[in-house]
N, C-alpha and C. Protein backbone atom coordinates (compact mmCIF):
# COMPACT_ATOMS: atom_id res chain seq x y z
N MET A 1 63.71 244.27 103.44
CA MET A 1 63.37 242.97 102.67
C MET A 1 63.98 241.64 102.91
N ARG A 2 63.61 240.77 102.93
CA ARG A 2 63.63 239.48 103.58
C ARG A 2 63.84 238.27 102.76
N TYR A 3 64.63 237.40 103.08
CA TYR A 3 64.53 236.06 102.28
C TYR A 3 64.26 234.98 103.04
N LEU A 4 63.75 234.08 102.36
CA LEU A 4 63.26 232.80 102.88
C LEU A 4 63.79 231.46 101.90
N GLU A 5 64.75 230.76 102.71
CA GLU A 5 64.77 229.26 101.93
C GLU A 5 64.38 228.16 102.44
N ALA A 6 63.40 227.49 101.87
CA ALA A 6 62.61 226.55 102.53
C ALA A 6 62.72 225.16 101.62
N GLU A 7 62.80 224.18 102.64
CA GLU A 7 62.47 222.56 101.73
C GLU A 7 60.98 221.99 102.25
N ILE A 8 60.45 221.87 101.39
CA ILE A 8 58.92 221.33 101.79
C ILE A 8 58.95 219.83 101.25
N ASP A 9 58.39 218.99 102.33
CA ASP A 9 58.29 217.56 102.18
C ASP A 9 57.00 217.30 102.02
N GLN A 10 56.65 216.83 100.68
CA GLN A 10 55.35 216.53 100.01
C GLN A 10 54.73 214.90 99.82
N PRO A 11 54.10 214.91 100.55
CA PRO A 11 53.38 213.26 100.70
C PRO A 11 53.40 212.75 99.30
N PRO A 12 53.85 211.32 98.92
CA PRO A 12 53.52 211.00 97.64
C PRO A 12 52.61 211.20 96.85
N ASP A 13 51.22 211.45 97.75
CA ASP A 13 49.70 211.70 96.77
C ASP A 13 49.33 212.90 96.68
N ARG A 14 50.44 213.78 97.27
CA ARG A 14 50.09 215.51 96.94
C ARG A 14 51.60 216.08 95.94
N ARG A 15 52.30 214.93 95.49
CA ARG A 15 53.11 215.53 94.51
C ARG A 15 52.68 215.58 93.19
N SER A 16 53.19 216.37 92.36
CA SER A 16 52.92 216.20 91.00
C SER A 16 53.53 215.10 90.42
N PRO A 17 52.48 214.47 89.31
CA PRO A 17 53.12 213.12 88.76
C PRO A 17 54.23 212.91 88.13
N MET A 18 54.99 214.01 87.41
CA MET A 18 56.29 213.99 86.89
C MET A 18 57.45 214.44 88.27
N HIS A 19 56.97 214.79 89.18
CA HIS A 19 57.75 214.67 90.61
C HIS A 19 58.01 213.49 91.01
N GLN A 20 57.15 212.89 91.11
CA GLN A 20 56.67 211.36 91.95
C GLN A 20 57.45 210.47 91.05
N PHE A 21 57.51 210.95 89.80
CA PHE A 21 58.24 209.69 88.75
C PHE A 21 59.81 210.01 88.98
N VAL A 22 60.49 211.30 88.96
CA VAL A 22 61.57 211.44 89.38
C VAL A 22 61.79 210.97 90.48
N VAL A 23 60.95 210.50 91.80
CA VAL A 23 61.50 210.01 92.90
C VAL A 23 61.40 208.43 92.84
N GLU A 24 60.43 207.86 92.18
CA GLU A 24 60.29 206.48 91.85
C GLU A 24 61.32 205.79 90.97
N THR A 25 61.82 206.78 90.20
CA THR A 25 62.63 205.97 88.89
C THR A 25 64.12 206.50 89.04
N ALA A 26 65.14 205.49 89.13
CA ALA A 26 66.41 205.05 89.09
C ALA A 26 67.33 206.19 88.14
N GLY A 27 67.90 206.71 88.39
CA GLY A 27 68.82 207.60 87.34
C GLY A 27 68.52 209.24 87.34
N TYR A 28 67.39 209.66 88.03
CA TYR A 28 66.84 211.22 88.09
C TYR A 28 67.41 211.70 89.39
N GLU A 29 67.75 212.76 89.49
CA GLU A 29 68.66 213.36 90.58
C GLU A 29 67.48 214.73 91.48
N VAL A 30 67.31 215.55 89.85
CA VAL A 30 66.23 216.63 89.91
C VAL A 30 65.89 217.16 88.96
N SER A 31 64.46 217.76 89.10
CA SER A 31 63.98 218.45 88.05
C SER A 31 63.89 219.90 88.33
N ARG A 32 64.75 220.88 87.84
CA ARG A 32 64.63 222.40 88.37
C ARG A 32 63.77 223.09 87.35
N LEU A 33 62.73 224.09 88.33
CA LEU A 33 62.00 225.01 87.48
C LEU A 33 62.54 226.26 86.96
N LEU A 34 62.87 226.47 85.76
CA LEU A 34 63.62 227.74 85.48
C LEU A 34 62.71 228.87 85.68
N TYR A 35 61.74 228.71 84.41
CA TYR A 35 60.67 229.63 84.13
C TYR A 35 59.35 229.40 84.20
N ARG A 36 58.39 230.03 84.89
CA ARG A 36 57.05 229.56 85.04
C ARG A 36 56.20 230.61 84.63
N ASP A 37 55.12 230.81 83.99
CA ASP A 37 54.20 231.69 83.64
C ASP A 37 52.51 231.08 83.69
N GLN A 38 51.85 231.70 84.42
CA GLN A 38 50.30 231.09 84.45
C GLN A 38 49.67 232.27 83.61
N TYR A 39 49.02 231.62 82.84
CA TYR A 39 48.30 232.22 81.94
C TYR A 39 46.80 232.09 81.93
N ALA A 40 46.36 231.11 82.58
CA ALA A 40 45.28 231.35 82.79
C ALA A 40 44.74 230.72 84.46
N ALA A 41 43.53 230.65 84.62
CA ALA A 41 43.20 230.25 85.94
C ALA A 41 43.74 229.16 86.49
N ALA A 42 43.96 228.05 85.66
CA ALA A 42 44.32 226.44 85.99
C ALA A 42 45.30 226.42 85.07
N GLU A 43 46.04 227.00 84.13
CA GLU A 43 46.73 226.58 83.03
C GLU A 43 48.23 227.45 83.28
N HIS A 44 49.26 226.61 82.96
CA HIS A 44 50.61 227.31 83.12
C HIS A 44 51.57 226.88 82.22
N ALA A 45 52.50 227.46 81.71
CA ALA A 45 53.77 227.12 80.98
C ALA A 45 54.96 227.32 81.94
N GLY A 46 55.64 226.06 81.62
CA GLY A 46 56.98 226.26 82.39
C GLY A 46 58.13 225.60 81.63
N LEU A 47 59.72 226.00 81.76
CA LEU A 47 60.60 225.32 81.56
C LEU A 47 61.51 224.83 82.70
N PHE A 48 61.62 223.49 82.32
CA PHE A 48 62.35 222.83 83.30
C PHE A 48 64.03 222.28 83.08
N HIS A 49 64.81 222.07 83.75
CA HIS A 49 66.13 221.21 83.53
C HIS A 49 66.00 219.87 84.11
N VAL A 50 66.09 218.92 83.66
CA VAL A 50 65.88 217.48 84.27
C VAL A 50 67.20 216.99 84.20
N GLU A 51 67.81 216.54 85.42
CA GLU A 51 68.98 215.66 85.44
C GLU A 51 68.45 214.25 85.56
N GLY A 52 68.80 213.38 84.14
CA GLY A 52 68.42 212.20 84.10
C GLY A 52 68.17 212.07 82.39
N PRO A 53 67.95 210.51 82.24
CA PRO A 53 67.61 210.03 80.71
C PRO A 53 66.53 210.67 80.12
N VAL A 54 66.54 210.86 78.80
CA VAL A 54 65.38 211.51 78.23
C VAL A 54 64.15 210.64 78.06
N GLU A 55 64.49 209.15 77.63
CA GLU A 55 63.55 208.67 76.91
C GLU A 55 62.18 207.93 78.07
N PRO A 56 62.70 207.25 79.34
CA PRO A 56 61.99 207.05 80.22
C PRO A 56 60.92 208.18 80.51
N TYR A 57 61.43 209.62 80.70
CA TYR A 57 60.79 210.53 80.93
C TYR A 57 59.64 210.79 79.84
N ARG A 58 60.05 210.96 78.67
CA ARG A 58 59.27 211.20 77.48
C ARG A 58 57.89 210.07 77.44
N SER A 59 58.72 208.89 77.74
CA SER A 59 57.24 208.09 77.85
C SER A 59 56.29 207.96 78.80
N ALA A 60 56.67 208.55 80.10
CA ALA A 60 55.99 208.80 81.09
C ALA A 60 55.01 209.81 80.68
N LEU A 61 55.63 211.03 80.07
CA LEU A 61 54.47 212.10 79.66
C LEU A 61 53.72 211.80 78.82
N ASP A 62 54.00 210.87 77.82
CA ASP A 62 53.22 210.29 76.47
C ASP A 62 52.00 209.71 77.30
N GLU A 63 52.21 208.97 78.30
CA GLU A 63 51.20 208.23 78.85
C GLU A 63 50.40 208.87 79.60
N ARG A 64 50.38 210.15 79.64
CA ARG A 64 49.67 210.76 80.82
C ARG A 64 48.58 211.62 79.71
N GLU A 65 47.33 211.74 80.19
CA GLU A 65 46.48 213.17 79.89
C GLU A 65 46.89 214.20 79.84
N GLN A 66 47.52 214.60 80.67
CA GLN A 66 48.21 215.80 81.07
C GLN A 66 49.71 215.48 80.93
N PRO A 67 50.29 216.49 80.04
CA PRO A 67 50.19 217.72 79.91
C PRO A 67 49.64 218.17 78.36
N ILE A 68 49.07 219.42 78.33
CA ILE A 68 48.72 219.98 76.97
C ILE A 68 49.46 219.74 75.71
N GLU A 69 50.79 220.03 76.34
CA GLU A 69 51.85 220.36 75.35
C GLU A 69 52.91 220.16 75.97
N PHE A 70 54.13 219.42 74.95
CA PHE A 70 55.33 219.47 75.76
C PHE A 70 56.40 219.35 74.60
N ASP A 71 57.72 219.56 75.12
CA ASP A 71 58.81 219.32 73.95
C ASP A 71 59.81 219.45 74.92
N ILE A 72 60.91 218.36 74.42
CA ILE A 72 62.12 217.89 75.37
C ILE A 72 63.43 218.19 74.19
N ASP A 73 64.23 218.94 74.85
CA ASP A 73 65.57 219.21 73.71
C ASP A 73 66.65 218.63 74.99
N PRO A 74 67.04 217.63 74.23
CA PRO A 74 68.24 216.65 75.29
C PRO A 74 69.67 217.60 75.47
N CYS A 75 70.52 217.46 76.37
CA CYS A 75 71.77 218.22 76.70
C CYS A 75 72.92 217.08 76.38
N PRO A 76 74.02 217.89 76.28
CA PRO A 76 74.86 216.63 75.75
C PRO A 76 75.47 215.65 76.97
N ASP A 77 75.12 216.27 78.21
CA ASP A 77 75.14 215.04 79.14
C ASP A 77 73.77 214.51 79.45
N GLU A 78 73.67 213.45 80.53
CA GLU A 78 72.76 212.87 80.52
C GLU A 78 71.66 213.78 81.39
N SER A 79 71.02 214.95 80.73
CA SER A 79 70.09 215.83 81.18
C SER A 79 69.19 216.45 79.96
N PHE A 80 68.48 217.39 80.13
CA PHE A 80 67.59 218.11 79.20
C PHE A 80 66.53 218.78 79.67
N TYR A 81 66.45 219.78 78.56
CA TYR A 81 65.49 220.99 78.94
C TYR A 81 64.01 220.32 78.50
N LEU A 82 62.98 220.73 79.22
CA LEU A 82 61.57 220.33 79.11
C LEU A 82 60.74 221.54 79.17
N TYR A 83 60.11 222.14 77.92
CA TYR A 83 59.01 222.98 78.04
C TYR A 83 57.75 222.26 78.20
N VAL A 84 56.82 222.66 79.19
CA VAL A 84 55.57 222.12 79.13
C VAL A 84 54.48 223.16 79.64
N ARG A 85 53.35 222.99 78.79
CA ARG A 85 52.15 223.61 79.09
C ARG A 85 51.05 222.66 79.62
N ALA A 86 50.48 222.71 80.91
CA ALA A 86 49.51 222.14 81.39
C ALA A 86 48.26 222.58 82.19
N ARG A 87 47.59 222.05 82.62
CA ARG A 87 46.60 222.44 83.38
C ARG A 87 46.82 222.20 84.95
N LEU A 88 46.75 223.11 85.98
CA LEU A 88 47.19 222.99 87.32
C LEU A 88 46.27 221.86 88.24
N ALA A 89 46.77 220.72 88.58
CA ALA A 89 45.75 219.91 89.57
C ALA A 89 45.92 220.51 90.79
N ASP A 90 44.51 220.44 91.66
CA ASP A 90 44.32 221.03 92.96
C ASP A 90 45.46 221.19 93.52
N ASP A 91 45.97 219.89 93.85
CA ASP A 91 47.36 220.26 94.81
C ASP A 91 48.41 220.83 94.56
N ASP A 92 48.53 221.25 92.97
CA ASP A 92 49.44 222.01 92.37
C ASP A 92 49.21 223.41 92.70
N ARG A 93 47.90 223.68 92.59
CA ARG A 93 47.43 225.09 92.75
C ARG A 93 47.31 225.55 94.26
N ALA A 94 47.07 224.61 95.35
CA ALA A 94 47.09 224.55 96.49
C ALA A 94 48.71 225.24 97.03
N PHE A 95 49.39 224.46 96.51
CA PHE A 95 50.88 224.81 96.97
C PHE A 95 51.12 225.92 96.36
N ALA A 96 50.84 226.30 95.01
CA ALA A 96 51.42 227.29 94.28
C ALA A 96 50.68 228.69 95.08
N ALA A 97 49.69 228.62 95.44
CA ALA A 97 48.74 229.78 96.37
C ALA A 97 49.50 229.92 97.57
N ALA A 98 50.13 229.11 98.16
CA ALA A 98 50.95 229.49 99.29
C ALA A 98 52.09 230.46 99.01
N PHE A 99 52.79 230.47 98.13
CA PHE A 99 53.53 231.44 97.53
C PHE A 99 53.11 232.76 96.82
N ASP A 100 51.75 232.63 96.60
CA ASP A 100 50.93 233.55 95.93
C ASP A 100 50.78 234.79 97.10
N GLN A 101 51.89 235.70 97.67
CA GLN A 101 51.18 236.53 98.74
C GLN A 101 51.89 237.77 98.16
N PRO A 102 51.15 239.14 98.90
CA PRO A 102 51.57 240.36 98.23
C PRO A 102 53.10 240.63 98.47
N GLY A 103 53.52 241.09 97.07
CA GLY A 103 54.90 241.47 96.87
C GLY A 103 55.92 240.46 97.31
N LEU A 104 55.51 239.05 97.19
CA LEU A 104 56.55 237.82 97.36
C LEU A 104 57.08 237.31 96.00
N LEU A 105 58.18 237.17 95.79
CA LEU A 105 59.05 236.86 94.76
C LEU A 105 59.34 235.48 94.80
N VAL A 106 59.07 234.46 94.09
CA VAL A 106 59.75 233.20 94.17
C VAL A 106 61.07 233.06 93.20
N ILE A 107 61.94 232.94 93.81
CA ILE A 107 63.43 233.09 93.14
C ILE A 107 63.76 231.66 92.38
N THR A 108 63.76 231.54 91.08
CA THR A 108 63.78 230.37 90.17
C THR A 108 65.40 230.18 90.59
N PRO A 109 65.97 228.85 90.31
CA PRO A 109 65.19 227.92 90.38
C PRO A 109 64.65 227.17 91.27
N VAL A 110 63.36 226.46 91.24
CA VAL A 110 62.47 225.85 92.24
C VAL A 110 62.86 224.40 91.77
N GLU A 111 63.52 223.59 93.21
CA GLU A 111 64.07 222.21 92.83
C GLU A 111 63.12 221.00 93.10
N TYR A 112 62.58 220.37 92.37
CA TYR A 112 61.95 219.10 92.87
C TYR A 112 62.76 218.02 92.73
N ARG A 113 63.44 217.32 93.72
CA ARG A 113 64.30 216.54 94.36
C ARG A 113 63.93 215.10 94.25
N ALA A 114 64.59 213.98 94.10
CA ALA A 114 64.47 213.10 93.98
C ALA A 114 64.21 212.52 95.66
N ASP A 115 64.40 213.07 96.42
CA ASP A 115 64.04 212.73 97.72
C ASP A 115 62.84 212.99 98.26
N GLY A 116 61.76 213.74 97.16
CA GLY A 116 60.60 213.79 97.44
C GLY A 116 60.27 215.18 98.03
N THR A 117 61.46 215.82 98.17
CA THR A 117 61.28 217.35 98.65
C THR A 117 61.32 218.76 97.41
N VAL A 118 60.68 219.38 97.96
CA VAL A 118 61.01 220.80 96.82
C VAL A 118 61.75 221.80 97.76
N ARG A 119 62.43 222.47 97.01
CA ARG A 119 63.53 223.82 97.63
C ARG A 119 63.26 224.94 96.77
N VAL A 120 62.68 225.70 97.72
CA VAL A 120 62.06 227.19 97.30
C VAL A 120 62.86 228.21 98.10
N THR A 121 63.14 229.31 97.23
CA THR A 121 63.72 230.50 97.78
C THR A 121 62.69 231.59 97.30
N ALA A 122 62.38 232.32 98.28
CA ALA A 122 61.68 233.81 98.06
C ALA A 122 62.04 234.74 98.54
N VAL A 123 61.75 235.95 98.06
CA VAL A 123 62.31 237.14 98.94
C VAL A 123 61.06 238.10 98.63
N GLY A 124 60.96 239.10 100.10
CA GLY A 124 59.83 240.13 99.97
C GLY A 124 59.98 240.30 101.48
N PRO A 125 58.48 241.21 101.66
CA PRO A 125 58.12 241.76 102.89
C PRO A 125 58.24 240.48 103.78
N ALA A 126 58.58 240.88 105.23
CA ALA A 126 58.62 239.80 106.04
C ALA A 126 57.20 239.21 106.43
N GLU A 127 56.16 239.88 106.30
CA GLU A 127 54.68 239.44 106.58
C GLU A 127 54.27 238.49 105.83
N SER A 128 54.63 238.44 104.54
CA SER A 128 54.47 237.75 103.31
C SER A 128 55.31 236.46 103.39
N ILE A 129 56.44 236.56 103.83
CA ILE A 129 57.04 235.39 104.02
C ILE A 129 56.90 234.52 105.06
N GLN A 130 56.06 235.14 106.13
CA GLN A 130 55.71 234.31 107.34
C GLN A 130 54.09 233.91 106.58
N SER A 131 53.13 234.66 106.03
CA SER A 131 52.05 234.05 105.23
C SER A 131 52.36 233.06 104.61
N ALA A 132 53.05 232.70 103.66
CA ALA A 132 53.52 232.03 102.68
C ALA A 132 53.86 230.73 103.47
N VAL A 133 54.61 230.76 104.49
CA VAL A 133 55.22 229.38 105.38
C VAL A 133 53.83 228.88 106.08
N GLU A 134 52.95 229.93 106.30
CA GLU A 134 51.51 229.43 107.20
C GLU A 134 50.70 228.64 106.40
N ALA A 135 50.79 229.15 104.90
CA ALA A 135 49.88 228.71 104.10
C ALA A 135 50.27 227.39 103.24
N ILE A 136 51.47 226.96 103.54
CA ILE A 136 51.66 225.76 103.16
C ILE A 136 51.02 224.43 103.81
N PRO A 137 50.21 223.83 102.67
CA PRO A 137 49.25 222.84 103.28
C PRO A 137 49.86 221.96 104.59
N GLY A 138 49.06 222.00 105.09
CA GLY A 138 49.39 221.02 106.69
C GLY A 138 50.02 219.66 106.60
N GLU A 139 49.72 218.75 105.46
CA GLU A 139 50.09 217.90 105.52
C GLU A 139 51.55 217.66 105.04
N MET A 140 51.94 218.84 104.27
CA MET A 140 53.25 218.87 103.78
C MET A 140 54.26 219.25 105.11
N GLY A 141 55.24 218.64 105.29
CA GLY A 141 56.38 219.15 105.79
C GLY A 141 57.15 220.50 105.65
N VAL A 142 57.56 221.21 106.64
CA VAL A 142 58.21 222.49 105.92
C VAL A 142 59.52 222.67 106.92
N GLU A 143 60.38 222.62 106.34
CA GLU A 143 61.86 223.04 107.17
C GLU A 143 62.49 224.41 106.48
N VAL A 144 62.49 225.24 107.41
CA VAL A 144 63.10 226.73 106.94
C VAL A 144 64.69 226.58 107.07
N ARG A 145 65.45 226.33 105.86
CA ARG A 145 66.58 226.23 105.81
C ARG A 145 67.48 227.60 106.26
N ALA A 146 67.02 228.53 105.99
CA ALA A 146 67.55 229.83 106.17
C ALA A 146 66.41 230.79 105.92
N VAL A 147 66.78 232.07 106.69
CA VAL A 147 65.83 233.23 106.42
C VAL A 147 66.55 234.51 107.11
N GLY A 148 66.54 235.65 106.28
CA GLY A 148 67.17 236.64 106.89
C GLY A 148 66.84 237.84 105.77
N GLU A 149 68.01 238.93 106.08
CA GLU A 149 67.96 239.88 105.25
C GLU A 149 68.58 239.61 103.78
N TYR A 150 67.73 240.20 102.91
CA TYR A 150 68.14 239.65 101.25
C TYR A 150 69.34 240.22 101.22
N LEU A 151 70.32 239.43 100.28
CA LEU A 151 71.55 239.82 99.89
C LEU A 151 71.22 239.56 98.32
N ALA A 152 71.70 240.47 97.73
CA ALA A 152 71.58 240.06 95.93
C ALA A 152 72.47 239.02 95.64
N GLY A 153 73.55 239.10 96.52
CA GLY A 153 74.76 237.88 95.68
C GLY A 153 74.02 236.34 96.02
N ARG A 154 72.90 236.51 96.81
CA ARG A 154 72.25 235.23 96.78
C ARG A 154 71.57 234.65 95.21
N VAL A 155 71.20 235.63 94.81
CA VAL A 155 70.81 235.59 93.15
C VAL A 155 71.78 235.71 92.38
N ASP A 156 72.94 236.42 92.17
CA ASP A 156 73.42 236.56 91.30
C ASP A 156 75.25 236.45 92.18
N GLU A 157 75.72 235.49 91.70
CA GLU A 157 76.99 235.55 92.51
C GLU A 157 77.93 236.35 92.31
N ARG A 158 78.09 237.10 91.04
CA ARG A 158 78.79 238.09 90.65
C ARG A 158 78.84 239.09 91.62
N LEU A 159 77.42 239.48 92.30
CA LEU A 159 77.74 240.63 93.05
C LEU A 159 78.33 240.08 94.34
N GLU A 160 78.75 238.92 94.65
CA GLU A 160 79.62 238.73 95.94
C GLU A 160 81.15 239.09 95.53
N LEU A 161 81.60 239.24 94.22
CA LEU A 161 82.71 239.46 93.98
C LEU A 161 83.31 241.25 94.26
N THR A 162 84.47 241.16 95.08
CA THR A 162 84.65 242.55 95.03
C THR A 162 85.30 243.16 93.60
N GLN A 163 85.22 244.48 93.53
CA GLN A 163 85.54 245.46 92.43
C GLN A 163 86.85 244.85 91.73
N ARG A 164 87.88 244.56 92.77
CA ARG A 164 89.24 244.29 92.52
C ARG A 164 89.19 242.48 91.84
N GLN A 165 88.35 241.92 92.55
CA GLN A 165 88.39 240.49 91.97
C GLN A 165 87.46 240.40 90.58
N LEU A 166 86.64 241.26 90.46
CA LEU A 166 85.82 241.18 89.19
C LEU A 166 86.69 241.96 87.79
N ALA A 167 87.54 242.63 88.25
CA ALA A 167 88.76 243.09 87.60
C ALA A 167 89.63 242.33 87.01
N ALA A 168 89.86 241.60 88.05
CA ALA A 168 90.77 240.34 87.80
C ALA A 168 90.26 239.22 86.56
N VAL A 169 89.04 238.87 86.92
CA VAL A 169 88.55 237.86 86.18
C VAL A 169 88.12 238.54 84.78
N GLU A 170 88.09 239.89 84.65
CA GLU A 170 87.78 240.70 83.07
C GLU A 170 89.00 240.56 82.49
N ALA A 171 90.32 241.06 83.49
CA ALA A 171 91.57 240.97 82.44
C ALA A 171 91.90 239.50 81.94
N ALA A 172 91.58 238.36 82.50
CA ALA A 172 92.04 237.04 82.39
C ALA A 172 91.26 236.70 81.17
N VAL A 173 89.79 237.11 81.26
CA VAL A 173 89.13 236.88 79.96
C VAL A 173 89.30 237.42 78.79
N GLU A 174 89.66 238.56 79.12
CA GLU A 174 90.06 239.82 77.62
C GLU A 174 91.60 239.26 77.52
N THR A 175 92.39 238.85 77.93
CA THR A 175 94.11 238.42 77.64
C THR A 175 93.77 237.13 76.89
N GLY A 176 92.83 236.12 77.33
CA GLY A 176 92.90 234.97 77.09
C GLY A 176 93.52 233.99 77.68
N TYR A 177 93.16 234.16 79.13
CA TYR A 177 93.94 233.37 80.16
C TYR A 177 92.92 232.21 80.19
N TYR A 178 91.75 232.19 79.99
CA TYR A 178 90.75 231.26 80.15
C TYR A 178 90.30 230.58 78.47
N SER A 179 91.11 230.97 77.78
CA SER A 179 90.77 230.51 76.14
C SER A 179 91.03 228.83 76.32
N ALA A 180 90.63 227.84 75.32
CA ALA A 180 90.71 226.64 75.55
C ALA A 180 92.35 226.63 75.27
N THR A 181 93.10 227.22 74.73
CA THR A 181 94.63 227.04 74.21
C THR A 181 95.57 227.88 75.39
N ARG A 182 94.94 228.49 76.36
CA ARG A 182 95.48 229.64 77.50
C ARG A 182 96.44 230.29 76.68
N GLU A 183 95.89 231.31 75.84
CA GLU A 183 96.58 232.31 74.91
C GLU A 183 97.23 233.32 75.96
N ALA A 184 97.24 233.28 77.24
CA ALA A 184 97.69 234.46 78.17
C ALA A 184 98.38 233.82 79.22
N THR A 185 99.58 234.46 79.95
CA THR A 185 99.76 233.51 81.42
C THR A 185 99.34 234.71 82.34
N MET A 186 99.53 234.09 83.53
CA MET A 186 99.23 234.89 84.79
C MET A 186 100.08 236.22 84.84
N GLU A 187 101.45 236.19 84.14
CA GLU A 187 101.83 237.46 83.98
C GLU A 187 101.41 238.61 83.31
N ALA A 188 100.90 238.21 82.22
CA ALA A 188 99.96 239.15 81.54
C ALA A 188 98.91 239.54 82.07
N VAL A 189 98.12 238.37 83.15
CA VAL A 189 96.90 239.16 83.62
C VAL A 189 97.33 240.29 84.97
N ALA A 190 98.69 239.98 85.76
CA ALA A 190 98.89 241.11 86.21
C ALA A 190 99.59 242.26 85.76
N GLU A 191 99.90 242.15 84.57
CA GLU A 191 100.28 243.30 83.97
C GLU A 191 99.15 244.36 83.49
N ARG A 192 98.03 243.71 83.37
CA ARG A 192 96.89 244.25 83.14
C ARG A 192 96.42 244.88 83.95
N LEU A 193 96.43 244.40 85.11
CA LEU A 193 95.96 244.40 86.47
C LEU A 193 96.97 245.73 87.32
N ASP A 194 98.09 245.55 86.79
CA ASP A 194 99.21 246.51 87.35
C ASP A 194 99.50 246.03 88.67
N CYS A 195 99.71 244.68 88.78
CA CYS A 195 99.92 244.25 90.03
C CYS A 195 100.97 242.92 89.83
N ALA A 196 101.37 242.55 91.21
CA ALA A 196 102.27 241.31 91.03
C ALA A 196 101.63 240.08 90.36
N PRO A 197 102.35 238.92 89.74
CA PRO A 197 101.69 237.71 89.49
C PRO A 197 100.93 237.10 90.48
N GLY A 198 101.71 237.09 91.72
CA GLY A 198 100.98 236.30 92.85
C GLY A 198 99.68 236.81 93.39
N THR A 199 99.40 238.36 93.21
CA THR A 199 98.34 239.22 93.52
C THR A 199 97.26 239.07 92.46
N ALA A 200 97.56 238.81 91.64
CA ALA A 200 96.73 238.63 90.26
C ALA A 200 96.15 236.85 90.68
N ALA A 201 96.95 236.11 90.91
CA ALA A 201 96.72 234.53 90.84
C ALA A 201 95.65 234.53 92.17
N GLU A 202 96.17 235.28 93.48
CA GLU A 202 95.01 235.41 94.20
C GLU A 202 93.73 235.77 94.19
N LEU A 203 93.71 236.97 93.52
CA LEU A 203 92.55 237.66 93.11
C LEU A 203 91.70 236.55 92.35
N LEU A 204 92.20 235.54 91.44
CA LEU A 204 91.30 234.79 90.70
C LEU A 204 90.80 233.58 91.22
N ARG A 205 91.89 233.03 92.23
CA ARG A 205 91.67 232.23 93.00
C ARG A 205 90.44 232.52 93.94
N ARG A 206 90.06 233.71 94.48
CA ARG A 206 88.89 233.91 95.18
C ARG A 206 88.03 234.23 94.41
N ALA A 207 88.04 234.88 93.48
CA ALA A 207 86.82 235.11 92.54
C ALA A 207 86.34 233.64 92.31
N GLU A 208 87.24 232.82 91.65
CA GLU A 208 86.66 231.18 91.30
C GLU A 208 86.17 230.35 92.43
N ARG A 209 86.61 230.86 93.78
CA ARG A 209 85.96 230.09 94.74
C ARG A 209 84.64 230.50 94.96
N THR A 210 84.18 231.82 94.84
CA THR A 210 83.18 232.44 95.01
C THR A 210 81.92 231.91 94.10
N VAL A 211 82.48 232.02 92.81
CA VAL A 211 81.48 231.71 91.84
C VAL A 211 81.14 230.03 91.61
N MET A 212 82.21 229.41 91.58
CA MET A 212 82.15 227.97 91.68
C MET A 212 81.65 227.35 92.76
N SER A 213 81.79 228.21 94.20
CA SER A 213 80.65 227.47 95.19
C SER A 213 79.28 227.84 94.92
N ALA A 214 79.39 228.69 94.44
CA ALA A 214 77.49 229.22 94.03
C ALA A 214 76.92 228.28 93.58
N VAL A 215 77.85 227.74 92.13
CA VAL A 215 77.32 226.49 91.10
C VAL A 215 76.99 225.34 91.69
N VAL A 216 78.23 224.93 92.59
CA VAL A 216 77.66 223.76 93.29
C VAL A 216 76.46 223.51 94.17
N SER A 217 76.34 224.63 94.98
CA SER A 217 75.48 224.69 96.02
C SER A 217 74.01 224.56 95.45
N GLY A 218 73.92 225.92 94.05
CA GLY A 218 72.58 225.75 93.91
C GLY A 218 72.50 224.87 92.37
N GLY A 219 73.32 224.23 91.77
CA GLY A 219 73.25 223.25 90.73
C GLY A 219 73.43 224.33 89.59
N PRO A 220 73.42 223.42 88.28
CA PRO A 220 73.96 224.09 87.15
C PRO A 220 73.43 225.36 86.73
N PHE A 221 72.06 225.68 87.57
CA PHE A 221 71.23 226.85 86.93
C PHE A 221 70.67 227.59 88.00
């Protein structure tokens, strides 16, 4: 099984309108598609997380004939969740169809970035990955960022932890080391693990580095 990480550079006239809004409007960084379901030939529903202010985005949606329906749930920071139900435009269908290959899975989130690019990760048979790249419309630039054998840790960073590192994290959580008032010391974590405090600290540092690196590289979702 193979994986593909690709960056697609869509011309402005081939981007979805709200992706183009993110590109053109100051204060927006990225719109991440978290879930999507196509329930009719030309209609879909999706859940996005958008980094940027709510009201300009809401106003832009209100002015459009599409979507059929949408709802916005603001986050404590300057971002929000967007539920949207809409009909797919021709360009959107052509782009989605490129990844509609036998056995191919698109791994969310799909990132619609402020520089006009779309970042996609897909997993599946090598021939389906190759077909997807070849099926992307010719006027869209494609940069293959990575390709190779699939590793589950690319999807769930916990799978990149060793058993000992995961045990250290579990011990830290269970003893209260990560609670707001830090109810446990590193010595308590070490006692739970039956090791020296320095060893426990190093296990936690390695685990934290793995998880935090995944968060930074892939965004908050």
